[in-house]
C-alpha atoms as a PDB file:
ATOM      1  CA  MET A   1     236.861 -94.170 226.771  1.00  0.00           C
ATOM      2  CA  ALA A   2     233.114 -95.444 225.706  1.00  0.00           C
ATOM      3  CA  GLU A   3     230.614 -94.115 228.882  1.00  0.00           C
ATOM      4  CA  ARG A   4     226.999 -95.487 228.990  1.00  0.00           C
ATOM      5  CA  GLN A   5     223.680 -93.962 230.823  1.00  0.00           C
ATOM      6  CA  ALA A   6     221.983 -97.469 231.999  1.00  0.00           C
ATOM      7  CA  THR A   7     218.220 -97.155 234.474  1.00  0.00           C
ATOM      8  CA  ILE A   8     218.387-100.074 236.941  1.00  0.00           C
ATOM      9  CA  ALA A   9     215.436-101.982 235.605  1.00  0.00           C
ATOM     10  CA  SER A  10     215.620-104.532 239.050  1.00  0.00           C
ATOM     11  CA  ARG A  11     212.781-104.297 241.242  1.00  0.00           C
ATOM     12  CA  VAL A  12     215.430-104.547 244.478  1.00  0.00           C
ATOM     13  CA  GLY A  13     218.333-102.554 242.828  1.00  0.00           C
ATOM     14  CA  LEU A  14     221.734-103.985 241.797  1.00  0.00           C
ATOM     15  CA  HIS A  15     221.276-106.266 245.702  1.00  0.00           C
ATOM     16  CA  ALA A  16     221.953-110.289 245.181  1.00  0.00           C
ATOM     17  CA  ARG A  17     220.873-111.623 242.518  1.00  0.00           C
ATOM     18  CA  PRO A  18     221.193-109.176 240.423  1.00  0.00           C
ATOM     19  CA  ALA A  19     224.422-107.946 240.932  1.00  0.00           C
ATOM     20  CA  LYS A  20     226.203-111.690 240.435  1.00  0.00           C
ATOM     21  CA  LEU A  21     224.435-111.460 237.216  1.00  0.00           C
ATOM     22  CA  PHE A  22     225.917-107.929 236.502  1.00  0.00           C
ATOM     23  CA  ILE A  23     229.767-109.102 238.311  1.00  0.00           C
ATOM     24  CA  GLU A  24     229.877-111.905 235.977  1.00  0.00           C
ATOM     25  CA  THR A  25     228.325-110.117 232.806  1.00  0.00           C
ATOM     26  CA  VAL A  26     231.679-107.406 233.621  1.00  0.00           C
ATOM     27  CA  LYS A  27     233.723-110.371 234.481  1.00  0.00           C
ATOM     28  CA  ARG A  28     233.686-110.948 231.131  1.00  0.00           C
ATOM     29  CA  GLN A  29     234.329-107.799 228.780  1.00  0.00           C
ATOM     30  CA  PRO A  30     238.208-107.396 227.153  1.00  0.00           C
ATOM     31  CA  VAL A  31     237.877-104.283 229.093  1.00  0.00           C
ATOM     32  CA  PRO A  32     238.105-102.815 232.511  1.00  0.00           C
ATOM     33  CA  VAL A  33     234.527-101.423 233.535  1.00  0.00           C
ATOM     34  CA  THR A  34     233.699 -98.530 236.206  1.00  0.00           C
ATOM     35  CA  ILE A  35     230.082 -97.855 237.458  1.00  0.00           C
ATOM     36  CA  GLU A  36     229.305 -94.357 239.252  1.00  0.00           C
ATOM     37  CA  LEU A  37     226.363 -93.555 240.405  1.00  0.00           C
ATOM     38  CA  GLY A  38     225.450 -89.623 241.120  1.00  0.00           C
ATOM     39  CA  ASP A  39     229.200 -88.728 243.180  1.00  0.00           C
ATOM     40  CA  SER A  40     230.014 -91.661 244.122  1.00  0.00           C
ATOM     41  CA  GLY A  41     233.331 -91.421 241.633  1.00  0.00           C
ATOM     42  CA  PRO A  42     233.822 -94.311 239.271  1.00  0.00           C
ATOM     43  CA  LEU A  43     233.972 -97.223 240.816  1.00  0.00           C
ATOM     44  CA  ASP A  44     235.227-100.694 239.627  1.00  0.00           C
ATOM     45  CA  ALA A  45     232.295-102.400 237.997  1.00  0.00           C
ATOM     46  CA  SER A  46     233.981-105.853 238.614  1.00  0.00           C
ATOM     47  CA  SER A  47     234.030-105.645 242.670  1.00  0.00           C
ATOM     48  CA  ILE A  48     230.730-107.348 243.783  1.00  0.00           C
ATOM     49  CA  LEU A  49     230.864-105.685 247.161  1.00  0.00           C
ATOM     50  CA  THR A  50     231.810-102.534 245.470  1.00  0.00           C
ATOM     51  CA  ILE A  51     228.140-103.168 243.742  1.00  0.00           C
ATOM     52  CA  MET A  52     226.664-104.173 247.025  1.00  0.00           C
ATOM     53  CA  SER A  53     227.806-100.931 248.868  1.00  0.00           C
ATOM     54  CA  LEU A  54     226.513 -98.712 246.021  1.00  0.00           C
ATOM     55  CA  GLY A  55     223.057 -98.584 246.653  1.00  0.00           C
ATOM     56  CA  ALA A  56     221.723 -98.258 243.182  1.00  0.00           C
ATOM     57  CA  THR A  57     217.711 -98.820 243.952  1.00  0.00           C
ATOM     58  CA  ASN A  58     214.700 -99.497 240.848  1.00  0.00           C
ATOM     59  CA  GLY A  59     214.935 -96.196 238.240  1.00  0.00           C
ATOM     60  CA  ASP A  60     218.646 -95.046 239.527  1.00  0.00           C
ATOM     61  CA  VAL A  61     220.095 -93.971 236.748  1.00  0.00           C
ATOM     62  CA  VAL A  62     224.453 -94.691 236.575  1.00  0.00           C
ATOM     63  CA  THR A  63     227.141 -94.320 234.447  1.00  0.00           C
ATOM     64  CA  LEU A  64     229.395 -97.320 232.739  1.00  0.00           C
ATOM     65  CA  ARG A  65     232.580 -96.499 231.356  1.00  0.00           C
ATOM     66  CA  ALA A  66     235.166 -98.322 229.945  1.00  0.00           C
ATOM     67  CA  GLU A  67     238.345 -97.813 227.683  1.00  0.00           C
ATOM     68  CA  GLY A  68     239.696 -99.716 225.382  1.00  0.00           C
ATOM     69  CA  GLU A  69     238.882-101.521 221.744  1.00  0.00           C
ATOM     70  CA  GLY A  70     235.503-103.545 222.688  1.00  0.00           C
ATOM     71  CA  ALA A  71     234.565-100.578 225.343  1.00  0.00           C
ATOM     72  CA  ASP A  72     231.481 -99.410 223.362  1.00  0.00           C
ATOM     73  CA  GLU A  73     230.297-103.007 222.958  1.00  0.00           C
ATOM     74  CA  ALA A  74     230.974-104.540 226.082  1.00  0.00           C
ATOM     75  CA  LEU A  75     229.258-100.924 227.634  1.00  0.00           C
ATOM     76  CA  ALA A  76     225.771-101.823 225.677  1.00  0.00           C
ATOM     77  CA  GLU A  77     225.654-105.089 227.098  1.00  0.00           C
ATOM     78  CA  LEU A  78     225.799-104.092 230.902  1.00  0.00           C
ATOM     79  CA  ALA A  79     223.557-101.119 229.939  1.00  0.00           C
ATOM     80  CA  GLY A  80     221.194-103.676 228.125  1.00  0.00           C
ATOM     81  CA  LEU A  81     221.905-105.785 231.631  1.00  0.00           C
ATOM     82  CA  LEU A  82     220.566-103.702 233.919  1.00  0.00           C
ATOM     83  CA  GLU A  83     217.809-102.143 231.901  1.00  0.00           C
ATOM     84  CA  THR A  84     216.464-105.660 232.300  1.00  0.00           C
ATOM     85  CA  ASP A  85     213.999-106.516 235.027  1.00  0.00           C
ATOM     86  CA  LEU A  86     217.041-109.550 236.008  1.00  0.00           C
ATOM     87  CA  ASP A  87     214.171-109.974 239.588  1.00  0.00           C
ATOM     88  CA  ALA A  88     211.734-111.466 237.000  1.00  0.00           C
ATOM     89  CA  GLU A  89     211.590-114.626 236.113  1.00  0.00           C
END
């Protein structure tokens, strides 16, 4: 199983626009992806309700996990997205 940590860079955390962009990217991946913040346990990263209820804010470190062919590449893309300020235009 591939695992990657990412620090949330968006000023408002994973809410509204950043969450939507993250979910869209997760759904394009060839493998299922989970996300975890603290003791939350692994949660489905493709669910907007899950991402919004996670409460990840700027500077929080989340753990992404995936298994299967393309998992490392998927997590690299997703971590790169989370480590970008998605609120900046």
